[in-house]
Amino acid sequence: MNEVSTIQLEKKVIKELKKTKEYPRQTYNELLTRMCDVFVKVKNKNQYDEFLHKIQQPKMKELWDNKEDEAWEHA
């Protein structure tokens, strides 16, 4: 048997959880497990996006910070 714990939630959090259910009989345990999975995926995707952005910064600086482009700004 799985170990079970009791957590205390504010009434407004419970109200939001009820609105978030994918189907009426979905348990809070199922809902929170799904929410955790989605959160981890989003977090990992954001870390990947930040990584890409960081490695692209030097090249973008090289491409955009040059005298030829500055000359066109004042044409």
PDB file of N, CA and C in Angstrom:
ATOM      1  N   MET A   1       0.843  -1.192   0.000  1.00  0.00           N
ATOM      2  CA  MET A   1       0.000   0.000   0.000  1.00  0.00           C
ATOM      3  C   MET A   1       0.881   1.246   0.000  1.00  0.00           C
ATOM      4  N   ASN A   2       0.450   2.262  -0.733  1.00  0.00           N
ATOM      5  CA  ASN A   2       1.181   3.528  -0.778  1.00  0.00           C
ATOM      6  C   ASN A   2       1.043   4.270   0.534  1.00  0.00           C
ATOM      7  N   GLU A   3       2.091   4.969   0.882  1.00  0.00           N
ATOM      8  CA  GLU A   3       2.009   5.813   2.066  1.00  0.00           C
ATOM      9  C   GLU A   3       1.201   7.056   1.706  1.00  0.00           C
ATOM     10  N   VAL A   4       0.407   7.497   2.634  1.00  0.00           N
ATOM     11  CA  VAL A   4      -0.460   8.647   2.397  1.00  0.00           C
ATOM     12  C   VAL A   4      -0.160   9.699   3.445  1.00  0.00           C
ATOM     13  N   SER A   5      -0.248  10.961   3.027  1.00  0.00           N
ATOM     14  CA  SER A   5       0.015  12.071   3.923  1.00  0.00           C
ATOM     15  C   SER A   5      -1.159  13.034   3.872  1.00  0.00           C
ATOM     16  N   THR A   6      -1.264  13.840   4.879  1.00  0.00           N
ATOM     17  CA  THR A   6      -2.298  14.870   4.906  1.00  0.00           C
ATOM     18  C   THR A   6      -1.602  16.221   4.824  1.00  0.00           C
ATOM     19  N   ILE A   7      -2.088  17.058   3.917  1.00  0.00           N
ATOM     20  CA  ILE A   7      -1.536  18.409   3.809  1.00  0.00           C
ATOM     21  C   ILE A   7      -2.662  19.410   4.022  1.00  0.00           C
ATOM     22  N   GLN A   8      -2.312  20.563   4.511  1.00  0.00           N
ATOM     23  CA  GLN A   8      -3.301  21.610   4.713  1.00  0.00           C
ATOM     24  C   GLN A   8      -3.213  22.606   3.567  1.00  0.00           C
ATOM     25  N   LEU A   9      -4.357  22.915   3.002  1.00  0.00           N
ATOM     26  CA  LEU A   9      -4.434  23.883   1.915  1.00  0.00           C
ATOM     27  C   LEU A   9      -5.454  24.954   2.271  1.00  0.00           C
ATOM     28  N   GLU A  10      -5.181  26.158   1.821  1.00  0.00           N
ATOM     29  CA  GLU A  10      -6.152  27.232   2.013  1.00  0.00           C
ATOM     30  C   GLU A  10      -7.387  26.929   1.164  1.00  0.00           C
ATOM     31  N   LYS A  11      -8.540  27.394   1.615  1.00  0.00           N
ATOM     32  CA  LYS A  11      -9.791  27.153   0.901  1.00  0.00           C
ATOM     33  C   LYS A  11      -9.729  27.677  -0.534  1.00  0.00           C
ATOM     34  N   LYS A  12      -9.057  28.826  -0.725  1.00  0.00           N
ATOM     35  CA  LYS A  12      -8.981  29.392  -2.076  1.00  0.00           C
ATOM     36  C   LYS A  12      -8.146  28.502  -3.002  1.00  0.00           C
ATOM     37  N   VAL A  13      -7.147  27.801  -2.454  1.00  0.00           N
ATOM     38  CA  VAL A  13      -6.341  26.884  -3.253  1.00  0.00           C
ATOM     39  C   VAL A  13      -7.185  25.684  -3.663  1.00  0.00           C
ATOM     40  N   ILE A  14      -7.979  25.180  -2.745  1.00  0.00           N
ATOM     41  CA  ILE A  14      -8.862  24.053  -3.048  1.00  0.00           C
ATOM     42  C   ILE A  14      -9.869  24.454  -4.127  1.00  0.00           C
ATOM     43  N   LYS A  15     -10.383  25.665  -4.023  1.00  0.00           N
ATOM     44  CA  LYS A  15     -11.332  26.173  -5.023  1.00  0.00           C
ATOM     45  C   LYS A  15     -10.672  26.218  -6.408  1.00  0.00           C
ATOM     46  N   GLU A  16      -9.430  26.679  -6.470  1.00  0.00           N
ATOM     47  CA  GLU A  16      -8.701  26.726  -7.742  1.00  0.00           C
ATOM     48  C   GLU A  16      -8.422  25.323  -8.272  1.00  0.00           C
ATOM     49  N   LEU A  17      -8.073  24.411  -7.386  1.00  0.00           N
ATOM     50  CA  LEU A  17      -7.844  23.023  -7.803  1.00  0.00           C
ATOM     51  C   LEU A  17      -9.106  22.417  -8.415  1.00  0.00           C
ATOM     52  N   LYS A  18     -10.237  22.699  -7.807  1.00  0.00           N
ATOM     53  CA  LYS A  18     -11.511  22.181  -8.334  1.00  0.00           C
ATOM     54  C   LYS A  18     -11.748  22.685  -9.750  1.00  0.00           C
ATOM     55  N   LYS A  19     -11.428  23.955  -9.998  1.00  0.00           N
ATOM     56  CA  LYS A  19     -11.612  24.532 -11.343  1.00  0.00           C
ATOM     57  C   LYS A  19     -10.650  23.925 -12.358  1.00  0.00           C
ATOM     58  N   THR A  20      -9.523  23.437 -11.876  1.00  0.00           N
ATOM     59  CA  THR A  20      -8.452  22.954 -12.736  1.00  0.00           C
ATOM     60  C   THR A  20      -8.632  21.494 -13.158  1.00  0.00           C
ATOM     61  N   LYS A  21      -9.505  20.780 -12.481  1.00  0.00           N
ATOM     62  CA  LYS A  21      -9.691  19.357 -12.778  1.00  0.00           C
ATOM     63  C   LYS A  21     -10.006  19.135 -14.257  1.00  0.00           C
ATOM     64  N   GLU A  22      -9.439  18.063 -14.809  1.00  0.00           N
ATOM     65  CA  GLU A  22      -9.687  17.719 -16.210  1.00  0.00           C
ATOM     66  C   GLU A  22     -11.019  16.983 -16.386  1.00  0.00           C
ATOM     67  N   TYR A  23     -11.446  16.319 -15.343  1.00  0.00           N
ATOM     68  CA  TYR A  23     -12.749  15.650 -15.348  1.00  0.00           C
ATOM     69  C   TYR A  23     -13.251  15.626 -13.900  1.00  0.00           C
ATOM     70  N   PRO A  24     -14.565  15.560 -13.718  1.00  0.00           N
ATOM     71  CA  PRO A  24     -15.155  15.745 -12.378  1.00  0.00           C
ATOM     72  C   PRO A  24     -14.638  14.799 -11.289  1.00  0.00           C
ATOM     73  N   ARG A  25     -14.366  13.557 -11.616  1.00  0.00           N
ATOM     74  CA  ARG A  25     -13.963  12.599 -10.582  1.00  0.00           C
ATOM     75  C   ARG A  25     -12.447  12.491 -10.415  1.00  0.00           C
ATOM     76  N   GLN A  26     -11.728  13.376 -11.037  1.00  0.00           N
ATOM     77  CA  GLN A  26     -10.271  13.361 -10.906  1.00  0.00           C
ATOM     78  C   GLN A  26      -9.890  13.676  -9.456  1.00  0.00           C
ATOM     79  N   THR A  27      -9.003  12.879  -8.901  1.00  0.00           N
ATOM     80  CA  THR A  27      -8.593  13.114  -7.511  1.00  0.00           C
ATOM     81  C   THR A  27      -7.572  14.245  -7.468  1.00  0.00           C
ATOM     82  N   TYR A  28      -7.446  14.836  -6.289  1.00  0.00           N
ATOM     83  CA  TYR A  28      -6.437  15.885  -6.125  1.00  0.00           C
ATOM     84  C   TYR A  28      -5.041  15.298  -6.314  1.00  0.00           C
ATOM     85  N   ASN A  29      -4.865  14.071  -5.897  1.00  0.00           N
ATOM     86  CA  ASN A  29      -3.569  13.412  -6.069  1.00  0.00           C
ATOM     87  C   ASN A  29      -3.220  13.301  -7.559  1.00  0.00           C
ATOM     88  N   GLU A  30      -4.174  12.864  -8.378  1.00  0.00           N
ATOM     89  CA  GLU A  30      -3.949  12.778  -9.828  1.00  0.00           C
ATOM     90  C   GLU A  30      -3.670  14.157 -10.415  1.00  0.00           C
ATOM     91  N   LEU A  31      -4.460  15.117  -9.998  1.00  0.00           N
ATOM     92  CA  LEU A  31      -4.316  16.478 -10.511  1.00  0.00           C
ATOM     93  C   LEU A  31      -2.954  17.066 -10.156  1.00  0.00           C
ATOM     94  N   LEU A  32      -2.547  16.928  -8.909  1.00  0.00           N
ATOM     95  CA  LEU A  32      -1.267  17.485  -8.479  1.00  0.00           C
ATOM     96  C   LEU A  32      -0.091  16.756  -9.127  1.00  0.00           C
ATOM     97  N   THR A  33      -0.220  15.460  -9.324  1.00  0.00           N
ATOM     98  CA  THR A  33       0.827  14.710 -10.021  1.00  0.00           C
ATOM     99  C   THR A  33       0.984  15.229 -11.440  1.00  0.00           C
ATOM    100  N   ARG A  34      -0.127  15.436 -12.117  1.00  0.00           N
ATOM    101  CA  ARG A  34      -0.093  15.972 -13.494  1.00  0.00           C
ATOM    102  C   ARG A  34       0.491  17.383 -13.507  1.00  0.00           C
ATOM    103  N   MET A  35       0.096  18.202 -12.551  1.00  0.00           N
ATOM    104  CA  MET A  35       0.608  19.574 -12.482  1.00  0.00           C
ATOM    105  C   MET A  35       2.127  19.569 -12.264  1.00  0.00           C
ATOM    106  N   CYS A  36       2.602  18.673 -11.427  1.00  0.00           N
ATOM    107  CA  CYS A  36       4.044  18.568 -11.179  1.00  0.00           C
ATOM    108  C   CYS A  36       4.777  18.166 -12.456  1.00  0.00           C
ATOM    109  N   ASP A  37       4.223  17.202 -13.183  1.00  0.00           N
ATOM    110  CA  ASP A  37       4.837  16.760 -14.447  1.00  0.00           C
ATOM    111  C   ASP A  37       4.941  17.918 -15.436  1.00  0.00           C
ATOM    112  N   VAL A  38       3.852  18.654 -15.570  1.00  0.00           N
ATOM    113  CA  VAL A  38       3.831  19.790 -16.498  1.00  0.00           C
ATOM    114  C   VAL A  38       4.836  20.855 -16.048  1.00  0.00           C
ATOM    115  N   PHE A  39       4.882  21.139 -14.767  1.00  0.00           N
ATOM    116  CA  PHE A  39       5.800  22.140 -14.239  1.00  0.00           C
ATOM    117  C   PHE A  39       7.247  21.772 -14.544  1.00  0.00           C
ATOM    118  N   VAL A  40       7.604  20.512 -14.322  1.00  0.00           N
ATOM    119  CA  VAL A  40       8.978  20.066 -14.570  1.00  0.00           C
ATOM    120  C   VAL A  40       9.320  20.200 -16.056  1.00  0.00           C
ATOM    121  N   LYS A  41       8.389  19.830 -16.938  1.00  0.00           N
ATOM    122  CA  LYS A  41       8.638  19.948 -18.380  1.00  0.00           C
ATOM    123  C   LYS A  41       8.840  21.409 -18.790  1.00  0.00           C
ATOM    124  N   VAL A  42       8.002  22.285 -18.277  1.00  0.00           N
ATOM    125  CA  VAL A  42       8.120  23.716 -18.595  1.00  0.00           C
ATOM    126  C   VAL A  42       9.436  24.273 -18.057  1.00  0.00           C
ATOM    127  N   LYS A  43       9.775  23.885 -16.848  1.00  0.00           N
ATOM    128  CA  LYS A  43      11.017  24.350 -16.236  1.00  0.00           C
ATOM    129  C   LYS A  43      12.220  23.896 -17.065  1.00  0.00           C
ATOM    130  N   ASN A  44      12.227  22.638 -17.484  1.00  0.00           N
ATOM    131  CA  ASN A  44      13.326  22.122 -18.301  1.00  0.00           C
ATOM    132  C   ASN A  44      13.387  22.821 -19.652  1.00  0.00           C
ATOM    133  N   LYS A  45      12.237  23.090 -20.253  1.00  0.00           N
ATOM    134  CA  LYS A  45      12.205  23.786 -21.535  1.00  0.00           C
ATOM    135  C   LYS A  45      12.750  25.200 -21.386  1.00  0.00           C
ATOM    136  N   ASN A  46      12.369  25.876 -20.304  1.00  0.00           N
ATOM    137  CA  ASN A  46      12.868  27.231 -20.063  1.00  0.00           C
ATOM    138  C   ASN A  46      14.377  27.234 -19.863  1.00  0.00           C
ATOM    139  N   GLN A  47      14.896  26.229 -19.174  1.00  0.00           N
ATOM    140  CA  GLN A  47      16.343  26.144 -18.982  1.00  0.00           C
ATOM    141  C   GLN A  47      17.039  25.955 -20.322  1.00  0.00           C
ATOM    142  N   TYR A  48      16.458  25.147 -21.198  1.00  0.00           N
ATOM    143  CA  TYR A  48      17.026  24.917 -22.522  1.00  0.00           C
ATOM    144  C   TYR A  48      16.984  26.211 -23.343  1.00  0.00           C
ATOM    145  N   ASP A  49      15.862  26.911 -23.291  1.00  0.00           N
ATOM    146  CA  ASP A  49      15.733  28.175 -24.021  1.00  0.00           C
ATOM    147  C   ASP A  49      16.744  29.206 -23.521  1.00  0.00           C
ATOM    148  N   GLU A  50      16.925  29.275 -22.207  1.00  0.00           N
ATOM    149  CA  GLU A  50      17.903  30.206 -21.636  1.00  0.00           C
ATOM    150  C   GLU A  50      19.312  29.833 -22.079  1.00  0.00           C
ATOM    151  N   PHE A  51      19.601  28.540 -22.117  1.00  0.00           N
ATOM    152  CA  PHE A  51      20.908  28.068 -22.577  1.00  0.00           C
ATOM    153  C   PHE A  51      21.150  28.490 -24.028  1.00  0.00           C
ATOM    154  N   LEU A  52      20.166  28.265 -24.888  1.00  0.00           N
ATOM    155  CA  LEU A  52      20.299  28.662 -26.287  1.00  0.00           C
ATOM    156  C   LEU A  52      20.511  30.167 -26.413  1.00  0.00           C
ATOM    157  N   HIS A  53      19.743  30.922 -25.649  1.00  0.00           N
ATOM    158  CA  HIS A  53      19.863  32.377 -25.697  1.00  0.00           C
ATOM    159  C   HIS A  53      21.274  32.815 -25.299  1.00  0.00           C
ATOM    160  N   LYS A  54      21.818  32.207 -24.246  1.00  0.00           N
ATOM    161  CA  LYS A  54      23.161  32.568 -23.781  1.00  0.00           C
ATOM    162  C   LYS A  54      24.228  32.266 -24.818  1.00  0.00           C
ATOM    163  N   ILE A  55      24.137  31.089 -25.456  1.00  0.00           N
ATOM    164  CA  ILE A  55      25.181  30.744 -26.421  1.00  0.00           C
ATOM    165  C   ILE A  55      25.028  31.538 -27.712  1.00  0.00           C
ATOM    166  N   GLN A  56      23.842  32.076 -27.980  1.00  0.00           N
ATOM    167  CA  GLN A  56      23.637  32.872 -29.187  1.00  0.00           C
ATOM    168  C   GLN A  56      24.044  34.333 -28.994  1.00  0.00           C
ATOM    169  N   GLN A  57      24.109  34.802 -27.777  1.00  0.00           N
ATOM    170  CA  GLN A  57      24.395  36.213 -27.517  1.00  0.00           C
ATOM    171  C   GLN A  57      25.682  36.713 -28.170  1.00  0.00           C
ATOM    172  N   PRO A  58      26.815  36.024 -28.041  1.00  0.00           N
ATOM    173  CA  PRO A  58      28.036  36.553 -28.668  1.00  0.00           C
ATOM    174  C   PRO A  58      27.903  36.705 -30.188  1.00  0.00           C
ATOM    175  N   LYS A  59      27.292  35.731 -30.845  1.00  0.00           N
ATOM    176  CA  LYS A  59      27.138  35.809 -32.304  1.00  0.00           C
ATOM    177  C   LYS A  59      26.188  36.949 -32.687  1.00  0.00           C
ATOM    178  N   MET A  60      25.108  37.114 -31.927  1.00  0.00           N
ATOM    179  CA  MET A  60      24.176  38.193 -32.224  1.00  0.00           C
ATOM    180  C   MET A  60      24.852  39.551 -32.027  1.00  0.00           C
ATOM    181  N   LYS A  61      25.672  39.659 -31.000  1.00  0.00           N
ATOM    182  CA  LYS A  61      26.405  40.908 -30.767  1.00  0.00           C
ATOM    183  C   LYS A  61      27.330  41.185 -31.957  1.00  0.00           C
ATOM    184  N   GLU A  62      28.001  40.137 -32.415  1.00  0.00           N
ATOM    185  CA  GLU A  62      28.901  40.272 -33.575  1.00  0.00           C
ATOM    186  C   GLU A  62      28.128  40.705 -34.812  1.00  0.00           C
ATOM    187  N   LEU A  63      26.946  40.140 -35.032  1.00  0.00           N
ATOM    188  CA  LEU A  63      26.153  40.461 -36.222  1.00  0.00           C
ATOM    189  C   LEU A  63      25.538  41.856 -36.169  1.00  0.00           C
ATOM    190  N   TRP A  64      25.087  42.267 -34.991  1.00  0.00           N
ATOM    191  CA  TRP A  64      24.347  43.514 -34.903  1.00  0.00           C
ATOM    192  C   TRP A  64      25.182  44.714 -34.499  1.00  0.00           C
ATOM    193  N   ASP A  65      26.267  44.513 -33.801  1.00  0.00           N
ATOM    194  CA  ASP A  65      27.103  45.637 -33.380  1.00  0.00           C
ATOM    195  C   ASP A  65      28.255  45.826 -34.360  1.00  0.00           C
ATOM    196  N   ASN A  66      27.942  46.450 -35.499  1.00  0.00           N
ATOM    197  CA  ASN A  66      29.007  46.703 -36.462  1.00  0.00           C
ATOM    198  C   ASN A  66      28.789  48.073 -37.105  1.00  0.00           C
ATOM    199  N   LYS A  67      29.834  48.605 -37.667  1.00  0.00           N
ATOM    200  CA  LYS A  67      29.809  49.965 -38.231  1.00  0.00           C
ATOM    201  C   LYS A  67      28.882  50.080 -39.438  1.00  0.00           C
ATOM    202  N   GLU A  68      28.782  49.013 -40.248  1.00  0.00           N
ATOM    203  CA  GLU A  68      27.925  49.072 -41.440  1.00  0.00           C
ATOM    204  C   GLU A  68      26.478  49.319 -41.063  1.00  0.00           C
ATOM    205  N   ASP A  69      25.993  48.641 -40.025  1.00  0.00           N
ATOM    206  CA  ASP A  69      24.615  48.838 -39.603  1.00  0.00           C
ATOM    207  C   ASP A  69      24.421  50.225 -39.007  1.00  0.00           C
ATOM    208  N   GLU A  70      25.387  50.707 -38.271  1.00  0.00           N
ATOM    209  CA  GLU A  70      25.282  52.033 -37.681  1.00  0.00           C
ATOM    210  C   GLU A  70      25.214  53.100 -38.751  1.00  0.00           C
ATOM    211  N   ALA A  71      25.911  52.918 -39.850  1.00  0.00           N
ATOM    212  CA  ALA A  71      25.876  53.885 -40.949  1.00  0.00           C
ATOM    213  C   ALA A  71      24.477  53.964 -41.544  1.00  0.00           C
ATOM    214  N   TRP A  72      23.778  52.850 -41.653  1.00  0.00           N
ATOM    215  CA  TRP A  72      22.433  52.841 -42.208  1.00  0.00           C
ATOM    216  C   TRP A  72      21.435  53.532 -41.286  1.00  0.00           C
ATOM    217  N   GLU A  73      21.691  53.558 -40.001  1.00  0.00           N
ATOM    218  CA  GLU A  73      20.771  54.192 -39.064  1.00  0.00           C
ATOM    219  C   GLU A  73      20.692  55.701 -39.299  1.00  0.00           C
ATOM    220  N   HIS A  74      21.762  56.281 -39.836  1.00  0.00           N
ATOM    221  CA  HIS A  74      21.801  57.736 -40.024  1.00  0.00           C
ATOM    222  C   HIS A  74      21.636  58.106 -41.504  1.00  0.00           C
ATOM    223  N   ALA A  75      21.237  57.184 -42.346  1.00  0.00           N
ATOM    224  CA  ALA A  75      21.070  57.470 -43.784  1.00  0.00           C
ATOM    225  C   ALA A  75      19.786  58.212 -44.054  1.00  0.00           C
TER     226      ALA A  75
END
